[in-house]
Every structure is written in structure tokens, then in C-alpha cells.
Amino acid sequence: MLCDLARSFPPKVAELLERDRGLKRNFREESVTDLLMASLIGLEPFGIRVDFPDEPTTGGDMDWIFAAPHDIGGGRYLRVVLQAKRAQYSKSRGGYWYYHHLDHDMGNQARTLVSFAGSNPGGMSTLPLYIFYHPTSALSAKSSAKPAVEGINLVFAHQVAPVVAGGCRRDRKTVETWRKSFMPLSDILCWPFLPLPRTTGPAPPGTITLQVNGGSRSLPFALGFHPDVVAARLGQRLDDTRTKGPVTDIPAPPIRAIDGIPGEIKRAIDGDVTLADRKELSRPRVIFSTTVTRDHPSIARAVRRRGN
């Protein structure tokens, strides 16, 4: 399911990108992003909605919104903006992998991404991440000191922006330079199913019903990607990685979900996206909507461990 996708899709990405080695034309980041978005479309029954803009304009390559529409206060949510970069190979100095366009526009792309997220655009709590795509030849297993280089890895944009400001040397763009800051795709896609209270009416969208003891009991479950838990996990990952990149001790705002899901997101969750809503989309968007609320014991424990 969603976690299976998080673990099986990165190797497929690596295989795809490996095929263009030696060719004059490479698969672009957009190709992998489109495939990832398409892979998520089939998970709509689990509370996952995918929308594409009519005319992409700028910014990150994807918006991923984690929402709990049934929470008090108008629902609760966290938006993640992902900017994609693919690794390329250089034959110099014995050969190495690097992100050629990491300092795109003399680093202004990264600065704009961080500034955009920090402004809470549209009143939306937003966290910027880079999503790195790697071919098979660039992969490396996890070691005692470094995370694995996988077909897909994530890095906080707050770590990238100061390194690429004004442009940077190629040795600041290598995969090995950023490897200590890598997170796997599973960090934001692997979430448990959580049991929900039984109701007398039909199960709400985004839940599944499991038959227990030969069908004598029916228990509804929903995926546990509640925005508070997503924020808590990413906050812990930021603490783990902020002193391991090429520039250490990077300041970053706290990662917190907030109340009051915007109207256009609520309409998308309900399947009522309007033409005006679609025209406002500038990037492909995924909404991960859960019927779990913050008073669920598992959510409360996860957030309490983080100290939120």
C-alpha cells in the first residue's frame, strides 16, 4: 500500500534514470515527479487525492498536504512543498554524482522556496523540502555513519539554501556532500493503520473495514498520517540532520500543523474542486486526508513524545 509504494518506488526510479546513462537526452525531474504522482492516484480509496494544475507556473514541483478534516477548529493540516532535482554523473576526478542545477538561478530558487514557505502563503503552514532522484549507479547502502543513497531521498530546504546562495562550487553539489542529511521517502509515506470507533452508519471516505474473528466484528481503520504526527516526525528528523550537512546548525522555524483547513483544500477532500480552484493550482498537489483526529491515543502519544 502507501508504505509499500514508499519502499518499492525508489528502486524503480533508479532503474528508470539508469537507462539514460550515455544518452544525450536525459529523463528530467518532471518525468519522475509525474510517475510518482500517478502512482499515488490509485490510493484514492485510502484518503489520498491527486490534482494537477492546468498551467504549472513556478516554485516547487509538488505540494503534499496532510490533513485531518474532522479535527476541531476547522480541521488541522500541514503543507509540504517539494522541489525535485536529479543526480547527474561527472567523469572528472575519477567520477562522481552531483546535482547540476542545485544552485539554479545563482541560488535564488532555493532562497525563494524557503522564503515562500516561511511566509505561510495563503495562510497555510508550509515546510519546504528537496526531493532528490538518483539512478542505480549512484546508489549506496546505509553505513554506520551515513544514510543510504536511494532512488529517492529528501533533504530540508533550510539546509540547502545557505549553501547555494549566490551560486556554489560543484563540490558543494555532490551526492556525498548531502548524503548525511538524507531522509528516505518512507519517512513521510510510511504510516500505520489506526483503529477508529465503530459507527452505526457507513464508514467515512478514507477508512477501510476489517473483518475480525471470521467476520463476527467489523472494525474501521484509517491511515495515521495525521498532520501533527507528520510534523512531529519531520521535526525529529530535522533535529537529527541539522548538524550533519555542509553547513551545520542551520536555523529553521518550528514544524507545526495548524488549525483551519483552507476552503479549497476542504473542497478537494470532498471531491468538489471548482474550475476556479484548479486555475489557482500552480503545482501538482497531493492531499493525504485522514479521519483520525488528534485525540486518538496513538496521535496523542506520538506528539507527546516529540514534546509538542
C-alpha atoms as a PDB file:
ATOM      1  CA  MET A   1       0.000   0.000   0.000  1.00  0.00           C
ATOM      2  CA  LEU A   2       1.306   3.530   0.772  1.00  0.00           C
ATOM      3  CA  CYS A   3       4.313   2.240   2.706  1.00  0.00           C
ATOM      4  CA  ASP A   4       4.878  -0.438   0.062  1.00  0.00           C
ATOM      5  CA  LEU A   5       4.954   2.333  -2.541  1.00  0.00           C
ATOM      6  CA  ALA A   6       7.468   4.314  -0.456  1.00  0.00           C
ATOM      7  CA  ARG A   7       9.820   1.310  -0.436  1.00  0.00           C
ATOM      8  CA  SER A   8       9.238  -0.094  -3.931  1.00  0.00           C
ATOM      9  CA  PHE A   9       9.051   3.110  -5.979  1.00  0.00           C
ATOM     10  CA  PRO A  10      12.591   4.485  -5.316  1.00  0.00           C
ATOM     11  CA  PRO A  11      14.296   1.383  -6.851  1.00  0.00           C
ATOM     12  CA  LYS A  12      12.041   1.781  -9.904  1.00  0.00           C
ATOM     13  CA  VAL A  13      13.107   5.402 -10.189  1.00  0.00           C
ATOM     14  CA  ALA A  14      16.753   4.351 -10.002  1.00  0.00           C
ATOM     15  CA  GLU A  15      16.218   1.798 -12.795  1.00  0.00           C
ATOM     16  CA  LEU A  16      14.466   4.370 -14.986  1.00  0.00           C
ATOM     17  CA  LEU A  17      17.171   7.011 -14.575  1.00  0.00           C
ATOM     18  CA  GLU A  18      19.895   4.414 -15.185  1.00  0.00           C
ATOM     19  CA  ARG A  19      18.545   3.821 -18.698  1.00  0.00           C
ATOM     20  CA  ASP A  20      19.555   7.256 -19.955  1.00  0.00           C
ATOM     21  CA  ARG A  21      23.236   6.934 -18.975  1.00  0.00           C
ATOM     22  CA  GLY A  22      25.326   7.630 -22.040  1.00  0.00           C
ATOM     23  CA  LEU A  23      22.445   9.237 -23.906  1.00  0.00           C
ATOM     24  CA  LYS A  24      22.433  12.865 -24.975  1.00  0.00           C
ATOM     25  CA  ARG A  25      18.906  13.315 -23.667  1.00  0.00           C
ATOM     26  CA  ASN A  26      18.128  12.524 -20.024  1.00  0.00           C
ATOM     27  CA  PHE A  27      14.871  11.956 -18.196  1.00  0.00           C
ATOM     28  CA  ARG A  28      14.041  15.211 -16.460  1.00  0.00           C
ATOM     29  CA  GLU A  29      12.851  15.649 -12.889  1.00  0.00           C
ATOM     30  CA  GLU A  30       9.336  16.254 -14.194  1.00  0.00           C
ATOM     31  CA  SER A  31       9.216  12.724 -15.630  1.00  0.00           C
ATOM     32  CA  VAL A  32       9.853  11.121 -12.234  1.00  0.00           C
ATOM     33  CA  THR A  33       7.524  13.542 -10.460  1.00  0.00           C
ATOM     34  CA  ASP A  34       4.719  12.671 -12.879  1.00  0.00           C
ATOM     35  CA  LEU A  35       5.296   8.958 -12.286  1.00  0.00           C
ATOM     36  CA  LEU A  36       5.239   9.434  -8.512  1.00  0.00           C
ATOM     37  CA  MET A  37       2.021  11.418  -8.717  1.00  0.00           C
ATOM     38  CA  ALA A  38       0.475   8.797 -10.996  1.00  0.00           C
ATOM     39  CA  SER A  39       1.432   6.051  -8.532  1.00  0.00           C
ATOM     40  CA  LEU A  40      -0.442   7.861  -5.767  1.00  0.00           C
ATOM     41  CA  ILE A  41      -3.644   8.234  -7.794  1.00  0.00           C
ATOM     42  CA  GLY A  42      -4.538   4.572  -7.259  1.00  0.00           C
ATOM     43  CA  LEU A  43      -4.612   5.098  -3.482  1.00  0.00           C
ATOM     44  CA  GLU A  44      -7.629   7.418  -3.514  1.00  0.00           C
ATOM     45  CA  PRO A  45      -9.749   4.922  -1.502  1.00  0.00           C
ATOM     46  CA  PHE A  46      -7.334   5.456   1.410  1.00  0.00           C
ATOM     47  CA  GLY A  47      -7.914   9.208   1.610  1.00  0.00           C
ATOM     48  CA  ILE A  48      -5.307  10.314  -0.952  1.00  0.00           C
ATOM     49  CA  ARG A  49      -6.273  12.799  -3.654  1.00  0.00           C
ATOM     50  CA  VAL A  50      -4.096  13.925  -6.570  1.00  0.00           C
ATOM     51  CA  ASP A  51      -4.716  17.117  -8.568  1.00  0.00           C
ATOM     52  CA  PHE A  52      -2.772  18.544 -11.489  1.00  0.00           C
ATOM     53  CA  PRO A  53      -2.770  22.242 -12.450  1.00  0.00           C
ATOM     54  CA  ASP A  54      -3.929  23.365 -15.863  1.00  0.00           C
ATOM     55  CA  GLU A  55      -0.844  25.541 -16.316  1.00  0.00           C
ATOM     56  CA  PRO A  56       2.089  24.977 -13.954  1.00  0.00           C
ATOM     57  CA  THR A  57       3.801  28.277 -13.214  1.00  0.00           C
ATOM     58  CA  THR A  58       6.729  28.079 -10.796  1.00  0.00           C
ATOM     59  CA  GLY A  59       8.088  27.142  -7.371  1.00  0.00           C
ATOM     60  CA  GLY A  60       8.435  23.655  -6.025  1.00  0.00           C
ATOM     61  CA  ASP A  61       7.458  20.661  -8.084  1.00  0.00           C
ATOM     62  CA  MET A  62       4.761  19.288  -5.768  1.00  0.00           C
ATOM     63  CA  ASP A  63       2.537  20.260  -2.858  1.00  0.00           C
ATOM     64  CA  TRP A  64       1.807  17.473  -0.370  1.00  0.00           C
ATOM     65  CA  ILE A  65      -0.859  18.395   2.162  1.00  0.00           C
ATOM     66  CA  PHE A  66      -1.502  16.258   5.236  1.00  0.00           C
ATOM     67  CA  ALA A  67      -4.980  16.997   6.559  1.00  0.00           C
ATOM     68  CA  ALA A  68      -7.270  15.911   9.386  1.00  0.00           C
ATOM     69  CA  PRO A  69     -10.585  17.495   8.342  1.00  0.00           C
ATOM     70  CA  HIS A  70     -12.563  16.118  11.302  1.00  0.00           C
ATOM     71  CA  ASP A  71     -10.446  17.823  13.959  1.00  0.00           C
ATOM     72  CA  ILE A  72     -11.985  20.695  15.905  1.00  0.00           C
ATOM     73  CA  GLY A  73     -11.025  24.222  14.858  1.00  0.00           C
ATOM     74  CA  GLY A  74     -11.937  23.713  11.205  1.00  0.00           C
ATOM     75  CA  GLY A  75      -9.641  20.733  10.750  1.00  0.00           C
ATOM     76  CA  ARG A  76      -5.867  20.531  11.033  1.00  0.00           C
ATOM     77  CA  TYR A  77      -3.223  20.430   8.283  1.00  0.00           C
ATOM     78  CA  LEU A  78       0.414  20.790   7.222  1.00  0.00           C
ATOM     79  CA  ARG A  79       1.659  21.535   3.699  1.00  0.00           C
ATOM     80  CA  VAL A  80       4.998  20.251   2.375  1.00  0.00           C
ATOM     81  CA  VAL A  81       6.450  21.820  -0.798  1.00  0.00           C
ATOM     82  CA  LEU A  82       8.871  19.544  -2.644  1.00  0.00           C
ATOM     83  CA  GLN A  83      11.457  20.803  -5.148  1.00  0.00           C
ATOM     84  CA  ALA A  84      12.895  17.999  -7.292  1.00  0.00           C
ATOM     85  CA  LYS A  85      16.492  17.605  -8.507  1.00  0.00           C
ATOM     86  CA  ARG A  86      18.058  14.604 -10.246  1.00  0.00           C
ATOM     87  CA  ALA A  87      21.655  13.480  -9.881  1.00  0.00           C
ATOM     88  CA  GLN A  88      23.994  13.586 -12.877  1.00  0.00           C
ATOM     89  CA  TYR A  89      27.362  11.948 -13.427  1.00  0.00           C
ATOM     90  CA  SER A  90      30.695  13.687 -13.920  1.00  0.00           C
ATOM     91  CA  LYS A  91      33.686  11.746 -15.278  1.00  0.00           C
ATOM     92  CA  SER A  92      36.208  14.161 -13.795  1.00  0.00           C
ATOM     93  CA  ARG A  93      38.282  13.365 -10.680  1.00  0.00           C
ATOM     94  CA  GLY A  94      37.601   9.665 -11.006  1.00  0.00           C
ATOM     95  CA  GLY A  95      33.857  10.122 -11.417  1.00  0.00           C
ATOM     96  CA  TYR A  96      31.174  11.323  -9.013  1.00  0.00           C
ATOM     97  CA  TRP A  97      27.449  12.123  -8.845  1.00  0.00           C
ATOM     98  CA  TYR A  98      26.141  15.654  -8.294  1.00  0.00           C
ATOM     99  CA  TYR A  99      23.045  17.855  -8.629  1.00  0.00           C
ATOM    100  CA  HIS A 100      23.900  20.121 -11.535  1.00  0.00           C
ATOM    101  CA  HIS A 101      21.041  22.588 -11.012  1.00  0.00           C
ATOM    102  CA  LEU A 102      21.039  22.648  -7.213  1.00  0.00           C
ATOM    103  CA  ASP A 103      22.080  26.334  -7.272  1.00  0.00           C
ATOM    104  CA  HIS A 104      19.644  27.209 -10.060  1.00  0.00           C
ATOM    105  CA  ASP A 105      19.484  30.948 -10.777  1.00  0.00           C
ATOM    106  CA  MET A 106      22.530  31.567  -8.573  1.00  0.00           C
ATOM    107  CA  GLY A 107      20.758  30.011  -5.622  1.00  0.00           C
ATOM    108  CA  ASN A 108      17.674  32.201  -5.915  1.00  0.00           C
ATOM    109  CA  GLN A 109      15.407  29.200  -6.489  1.00  0.00           C
ATOM    110  CA  ALA A 110      16.309  27.757  -3.076  1.00  0.00           C
ATOM    111  CA  ARG A 111      16.060  31.139  -1.373  1.00  0.00           C
ATOM    112  CA  THR A 112      12.650  31.744  -2.948  1.00  0.00           C
ATOM    113  CA  LEU A 113      11.455  28.294  -1.903  1.00  0.00           C
ATOM    114  CA  VAL A 114      12.402  28.884   1.743  1.00  0.00           C
ATOM    115  CA  SER A 115      11.051  32.436   1.762  1.00  0.00           C
ATOM    116  CA  PHE A 116       7.806  31.299   0.142  1.00  0.00           C
ATOM    117  CA  ALA A 117       7.288  28.619   2.773  1.00  0.00           C
ATOM    118  CA  GLY A 118       8.232  30.936   5.624  1.00  0.00           C
ATOM    119  CA  SER A 119       5.595  33.470   4.592  1.00  0.00           C
ATOM    120  CA  ASN A 120       2.807  30.939   5.243  1.00  0.00           C
ATOM    121  CA  PRO A 121       1.407  31.590   1.747  1.00  0.00           C
ATOM    122  CA  GLY A 122      -2.347  31.802   1.670  1.00  0.00           C
ATOM    123  CA  GLY A 123      -2.242  31.432   5.444  1.00  0.00           C
ATOM    124  CA  MET A 124      -1.032  27.848   5.035  1.00  0.00           C
ATOM    125  CA  SER A 125       1.596  26.327   7.307  1.00  0.00           C
ATOM    126  CA  THR A 126       4.277  25.227   4.827  1.00  0.00           C
ATOM    127  CA  LEU A 127       7.524  23.234   5.049  1.00  0.00           C
ATOM    128  CA  PRO A 128       9.977  23.186   2.076  1.00  0.00           C
ATOM    129  CA  LEU A 129      11.904  20.026   1.167  1.00  0.00           C
ATOM    130  CA  TYR A 130      14.157  18.951  -1.681  1.00  0.00           C
ATOM    131  CA  ILE A 131      13.412  15.588  -3.255  1.00  0.00           C
ATOM    132  CA  PHE A 132      16.496  14.070  -4.918  1.00  0.00           C
ATOM    133  CA  TYR A 133      16.279  11.400  -7.660  1.00  0.00           C
ATOM    134  CA  HIS A 134      19.206   9.002  -8.209  1.00  0.00           C
ATOM    135  CA  PRO A 135      19.962   6.353 -10.872  1.00  0.00           C
ATOM    136  CA  THR A 136      21.095   2.864  -9.918  1.00  0.00           C
ATOM    137  CA  SER A 137      24.793   3.643 -10.406  1.00  0.00           C
ATOM    138  CA  ALA A 138      24.587   6.393  -7.773  1.00  0.00           C
ATOM    139  CA  LEU A 139      23.058   4.235  -5.048  1.00  0.00           C
ATOM    140  CA  SER A 140      24.926   3.292  -1.877  1.00  0.00           C
ATOM    141  CA  ALA A 141      23.895   1.131   1.059  1.00  0.00           C
ATOM    142  CA  LYS A 142      23.473   2.579   4.521  1.00  0.00           C
ATOM    143  CA  SER A 143      26.638   2.665   6.615  1.00  0.00           C
ATOM    144  CA  SER A 144      27.259   3.289  10.291  1.00  0.00           C
ATOM    145  CA  ALA A 145      27.895   6.965   9.569  1.00  0.00           C
ATOM    146  CA  LYS A 146      25.727   7.726   6.533  1.00  0.00           C
ATOM    147  CA  PRO A 147      22.165   7.053   5.371  1.00  0.00           C
ATOM    148  CA  ALA A 148      21.551   5.043   2.227  1.00  0.00           C
ATOM    149  CA  VAL A 149      21.537   6.742  -1.156  1.00  0.00           C
ATOM    150  CA  GLU A 150      18.249   5.520  -2.635  1.00  0.00           C
ATOM    151  CA  GLY A 151      16.347   6.195  -5.821  1.00  0.00           C
ATOM    152  CA  ILE A 152      14.597   8.967  -3.871  1.00  0.00           C
ATOM    153  CA  ASN A 153      15.911  10.898  -0.861  1.00  0.00           C
ATOM    154  CA  LEU A 154      14.670  14.005   0.914  1.00  0.00           C
ATOM    155  CA  VAL A 155      16.589  16.972   2.384  1.00  0.00           C
ATOM    156  CA  PHE A 156      15.288  20.030   4.243  1.00  0.00           C
ATOM    157  CA  ALA A 157      15.424  23.132   2.038  1.00  0.00           C
ATOM    158  CA  HIS A 158      16.637  25.190   5.012  1.00  0.00           C
ATOM    159  CA  GLN A 159      19.890  23.227   4.779  1.00  0.00           C
ATOM    160  CA  VAL A 160      20.281  23.759   1.032  1.00  0.00           C
ATOM    161  CA  ALA A 161      19.523  27.479   0.710  1.00  0.00           C
ATOM    162  CA  PRO A 162      22.563  28.913   2.562  1.00  0.00           C
ATOM    163  CA  VAL A 163      24.957  26.553   0.770  1.00  0.00           C
ATOM    164  CA  VAL A 164      23.848  27.532  -2.740  1.00  0.00           C
ATOM    165  CA  ALA A 165      23.301  31.251  -2.043  1.00  0.00           C
ATOM    166  CA  GLY A 166      24.929  33.260  -4.823  1.00  0.00           C
ATOM    167  CA  GLY A 167      25.871  30.043  -6.617  1.00  0.00           C
ATOM    168  CA  CYS A 168      28.282  27.399  -5.377  1.00  0.00           C
ATOM    169  CA  ARG A 169      31.166  25.208  -6.479  1.00  0.00           C
ATOM    170  CA  ARG A 170      30.456  21.766  -7.837  1.00  0.00           C
ATOM    171  CA  ASP A 171      31.982  20.074  -4.794  1.00  0.00           C
ATOM    172  CA  ARG A 172      29.093  21.557  -2.782  1.00  0.00           C
ATOM    173  CA  LYS A 173      26.600  19.855  -5.100  1.00  0.00           C
ATOM    174  CA  THR A 174      27.800  16.258  -4.882  1.00  0.00           C
ATOM    175  CA  VAL A 175      25.627  13.443  -3.601  1.00  0.00           C
ATOM    176  CA  GLU A 176      28.225  12.630  -0.950  1.00  0.00           C
ATOM    177  CA  THR A 177      28.179  16.231   0.287  1.00  0.00           C
ATOM    178  CA  TRP A 178      24.471  15.957   1.054  1.00  0.00           C
ATOM    179  CA  ARG A 179      24.252  12.310   1.979  1.00  0.00           C
ATOM    180  CA  LYS A 180      24.456  12.806   5.747  1.00  0.00           C
ATOM    181  CA  SER A 181      21.284  14.908   5.550  1.00  0.00           C
ATOM    182  CA  PHE A 182      19.298  12.338   3.534  1.00  0.00           C
ATOM    183  CA  MET A 183      15.910  11.045   4.620  1.00  0.00           C
ATOM    184  CA  PRO A 184      14.158   8.145   2.861  1.00  0.00           C
ATOM    185  CA  LEU A 185      10.816   8.601   1.126  1.00  0.00           C
ATOM    186  CA  SER A 186       9.340   6.274   3.742  1.00  0.00           C
ATOM    187  CA  ASP A 187       9.795   8.995   6.382  1.00  0.00           C
ATOM    188  CA  ILE A 188       6.791  10.853   5.001  1.00  0.00           C
ATOM    189  CA  LEU A 189       4.850   7.978   3.417  1.00  0.00           C
ATOM    190  CA  CYS A 190       5.014   5.098   5.917  1.00  0.00           C
ATOM    191  CA  TRP A 191       2.190   5.379   8.450  1.00  0.00           C
ATOM    192  CA  PRO A 192       0.270   2.720  10.384  1.00  0.00           C
ATOM    193  CA  PHE A 193      -3.414   1.931  10.114  1.00  0.00           C
ATOM    194  CA  LEU A 194      -5.144   3.078  13.296  1.00  0.00           C
ATOM    195  CA  PRO A 195      -8.435   1.667  14.629  1.00  0.00           C
ATOM    196  CA  LEU A 196     -11.388   4.040  14.759  1.00  0.00           C
ATOM    197  CA  PRO A 197     -14.514   3.972  16.940  1.00  0.00           C
ATOM    198  CA  ARG A 198     -17.281   1.955  15.344  1.00  0.00           C
ATOM    199  CA  THR A 199     -20.195   3.911  13.935  1.00  0.00           C
ATOM    200  CA  THR A 200     -23.731   2.847  13.081  1.00  0.00           C
ATOM    201  CA  GLY A 201     -23.689   4.495   9.647  1.00  0.00           C
ATOM    202  CA  PRO A 202     -21.444   3.872   6.644  1.00  0.00           C
ATOM    203  CA  ALA A 203     -17.705   4.272   7.132  1.00  0.00           C
ATOM    204  CA  PRO A 204     -16.473   7.722   6.075  1.00  0.00           C
ATOM    205  CA  PRO A 205     -14.210   8.065   2.998  1.00  0.00           C
ATOM    206  CA  GLY A 206     -10.576   7.206   3.667  1.00  0.00           C
ATOM    207  CA  THR A 207     -11.326   4.321   6.015  1.00  0.00           C
ATOM    208  CA  ILE A 208     -11.241   0.588   5.485  1.00  0.00           C
ATOM    209  CA  THR A 209     -13.205  -2.032   7.374  1.00  0.00           C
ATOM    210  CA  LEU A 210     -11.517  -5.206   8.560  1.00  0.00           C
ATOM    211  CA  GLN A 211     -13.398  -8.361   9.462  1.00  0.00           C
ATOM    212  CA  VAL A 212     -12.227  -9.793  12.786  1.00  0.00           C
ATOM    213  CA  ASN A 213     -12.749 -13.343  14.067  1.00  0.00           C
ATOM    214  CA  GLY A 214     -14.296 -14.746  10.952  1.00  0.00           C
ATOM    215  CA  GLY A 215     -16.483 -11.717  10.323  1.00  0.00           C
ATOM    216  CA  SER A 216     -18.092 -11.530  13.751  1.00  0.00           C
ATOM    217  CA  ARG A 217     -16.808  -7.957  14.207  1.00  0.00           C
ATOM    218  CA  SER A 218     -16.172  -5.145  11.747  1.00  0.00           C
ATOM    219  CA  LEU A 219     -13.624  -2.534  12.780  1.00  0.00           C
ATOM    220  CA  PRO A 220     -12.922   0.637  10.746  1.00  0.00           C
ATOM    221  CA  PHE A 221      -9.302   1.713  10.282  1.00  0.00           C
ATOM    222  CA  ALA A 222      -7.670   4.805   8.785  1.00  0.00           C
ATOM    223  CA  LEU A 223      -4.099   5.651   7.864  1.00  0.00           C
ATOM    224  CA  GLY A 224      -2.300   7.511  10.649  1.00  0.00           C
ATOM    225  CA  PHE A 225      -0.776  10.375   8.642  1.00  0.00           C
ATOM    226  CA  HIS A 226      -2.336  12.939  10.952  1.00  0.00           C
ATOM    227  CA  PRO A 227      -0.603  16.314  10.366  1.00  0.00           C
ATOM    228  CA  ASP A 228       0.514  16.573  13.996  1.00  0.00           C
ATOM    229  CA  VAL A 229       2.300  13.228  13.705  1.00  0.00           C
ATOM    230  CA  VAL A 230       3.841  14.197  10.359  1.00  0.00           C
ATOM    231  CA  ALA A 231       5.086  17.453  11.906  1.00  0.00           C
ATOM    232  CA  ALA A 232       6.467  15.602  14.934  1.00  0.00           C
ATOM    233  CA  ARG A 233       8.352  13.084  12.801  1.00  0.00           C
ATOM    234  CA  LEU A 234       9.797  15.741  10.487  1.00  0.00           C
ATOM    235  CA  GLY A 235      10.762  17.851  13.486  1.00  0.00           C
ATOM    236  CA  GLN A 236      12.703  14.909  14.887  1.00  0.00           C
ATOM    237  CA  ARG A 237      14.374  14.310  11.514  1.00  0.00           C
ATOM    238  CA  LEU A 238      15.367  17.971  11.364  1.00  0.00           C
ATOM    239  CA  ASP A 239      16.951  17.697  14.810  1.00  0.00           C
ATOM    240  CA  ASP A 240      18.797  14.573  13.630  1.00  0.00           C
ATOM    241  CA  THR A 241      20.193  16.141  10.436  1.00  0.00           C
ATOM    242  CA  ARG A 242      20.631  19.868  11.057  1.00  0.00           C
ATOM    243  CA  THR A 243      24.271  19.478  12.219  1.00  0.00           C
ATOM    244  CA  LYS A 244      25.263  16.939   9.556  1.00  0.00           C
ATOM    245  CA  GLY A 245      25.107  18.894   6.290  1.00  0.00           C
ATOM    246  CA  PRO A 246      27.790  21.004   4.580  1.00  0.00           C
ATOM    247  CA  VAL A 247      26.718  23.942   6.771  1.00  0.00           C
ATOM    248  CA  THR A 248      25.927  22.912  10.336  1.00  0.00           C
ATOM    249  CA  ASP A 249      23.459  24.207  12.889  1.00  0.00           C
ATOM    250  CA  ILE A 250      21.044  25.629  10.334  1.00  0.00           C
ATOM    251  CA  PRO A 251      18.256  27.658  11.975  1.00  0.00           C
ATOM    252  CA  ALA A 252      14.778  26.656  10.871  1.00  0.00           C
ATOM    253  CA  PRO A 253      11.278  27.543  12.021  1.00  0.00           C
ATOM    254  CA  PRO A 254       9.396  25.008  14.133  1.00  0.00           C
ATOM    255  CA  ILE A 255       7.464  22.435  12.133  1.00  0.00           C
ATOM    256  CA  ARG A 256       3.852  22.620  13.265  1.00  0.00           C
ATOM    257  CA  ALA A 257       0.472  21.758  11.856  1.00  0.00           C
ATOM    258  CA  ILE A 258      -2.203  24.436  12.277  1.00  0.00           C
ATOM    259  CA  ASP A 259      -5.977  24.682  12.538  1.00  0.00           C
ATOM    260  CA  GLY A 260      -8.364  25.866   9.868  1.00  0.00           C
ATOM    261  CA  ILE A 261      -8.052  23.926   6.615  1.00  0.00           C
ATOM    262  CA  PRO A 262      -8.492  26.405   3.716  1.00  0.00           C
ATOM    263  CA  GLY A 263     -11.717  26.172   1.743  1.00  0.00           C
ATOM    264  CA  GLU A 264     -10.087  24.989  -1.479  1.00  0.00           C
ATOM    265  CA  ILE A 265      -8.433  22.099   0.356  1.00  0.00           C
ATOM    266  CA  LYS A 266     -11.702  21.119   2.025  1.00  0.00           C
ATOM    267  CA  ARG A 267     -13.430  21.137  -1.351  1.00  0.00           C
ATOM    268  CA  ALA A 268     -10.722  18.911  -2.810  1.00  0.00           C
ATOM    269  CA  ILE A 269     -11.065  16.460   0.088  1.00  0.00           C
ATOM    270  CA  ASP A 270     -14.822  16.366  -0.552  1.00  0.00           C
ATOM    271  CA  GLY A 271     -14.292  15.880  -4.295  1.00  0.00           C
ATOM    272  CA  ASP A 272     -15.776  19.293  -5.142  1.00  0.00           C
ATOM    273  CA  VAL A 273     -12.838  21.076  -6.808  1.00  0.00           C
ATOM    274  CA  THR A 274     -14.144  24.052  -8.766  1.00  0.00           C
ATOM    275  CA  LEU A 275     -12.809  25.459 -12.022  1.00  0.00           C
ATOM    276  CA  ALA A 276     -11.559  28.492 -10.084  1.00  0.00           C
ATOM    277  CA  ASP A 277      -9.742  26.174  -7.634  1.00  0.00           C
ATOM    278  CA  ARG A 278      -7.998  24.385 -10.488  1.00  0.00           C
ATOM    279  CA  LYS A 279      -6.925  27.650 -12.098  1.00  0.00           C
ATOM    280  CA  GLU A 280      -5.271  28.645  -8.809  1.00  0.00           C
ATOM    281  CA  LEU A 281      -3.131  25.482  -8.717  1.00  0.00           C
ATOM    282  CA  SER A 282       0.469  26.215  -9.697  1.00  0.00           C
ATOM    283  CA  ARG A 283       1.943  22.790  -8.874  1.00  0.00           C
ATOM    284  CA  PRO A 284       0.757  19.194  -8.787  1.00  0.00           C
ATOM    285  CA  ARG A 285      -0.895  18.554  -5.434  1.00  0.00           C
ATOM    286  CA  VAL A 286      -1.430  15.512  -3.232  1.00  0.00           C
ATOM    287  CA  ILE A 287      -3.777  15.659  -0.251  1.00  0.00           C
ATOM    288  CA  PHE A 288      -3.393  12.959   2.390  1.00  0.00           C
ATOM    289  CA  SER A 289      -6.650  13.124   4.324  1.00  0.00           C
ATOM    290  CA  THR A 290      -7.244  11.044   7.442  1.00  0.00           C
ATOM    291  CA  THR A 291     -10.377  10.593   9.527  1.00  0.00           C
ATOM    292  CA  VAL A 292      -8.158  10.188  12.614  1.00  0.00           C
ATOM    293  CA  THR A 293      -8.262  13.158  14.986  1.00  0.00           C
ATOM    294  CA  ARG A 294      -5.686  14.467  17.426  1.00  0.00           C
ATOM    295  CA  ASP A 295      -7.479  12.984  20.427  1.00  0.00           C
ATOM    296  CA  HIS A 296      -6.787   9.457  19.155  1.00  0.00           C
ATOM    297  CA  PRO A 297      -4.475   7.762  21.716  1.00  0.00           C
ATOM    298  CA  SER A 298      -1.823   6.926  19.106  1.00  0.00           C
ATOM    299  CA  ILE A 299      -1.697  10.509  17.852  1.00  0.00           C
ATOM    300  CA  ALA A 300      -1.524  11.924  21.363  1.00  0.00           C
ATOM    301  CA  ARG A 301       1.346   9.576  22.295  1.00  0.00           C
ATOM    302  CA  ALA A 302       3.353  10.403  19.167  1.00  0.00           C
ATOM    303  CA  VAL A 303       3.020  14.138  19.641  1.00  0.00           C
ATOM    304  CA  ARG A 304       3.721  13.901  23.378  1.00  0.00           C
ATOM    305  CA  ARG A 305       6.990  12.042  22.675  1.00  0.00           C
ATOM    306  CA  ARG A 306       8.025  14.926  20.479  1.00  0.00           C
ATOM    307  CA  GLY A 307       7.088  17.432  23.180  1.00  0.00           C
ATOM    308  CA  ASN A 308       4.510  19.362  21.122  1.00  0.00           C
END
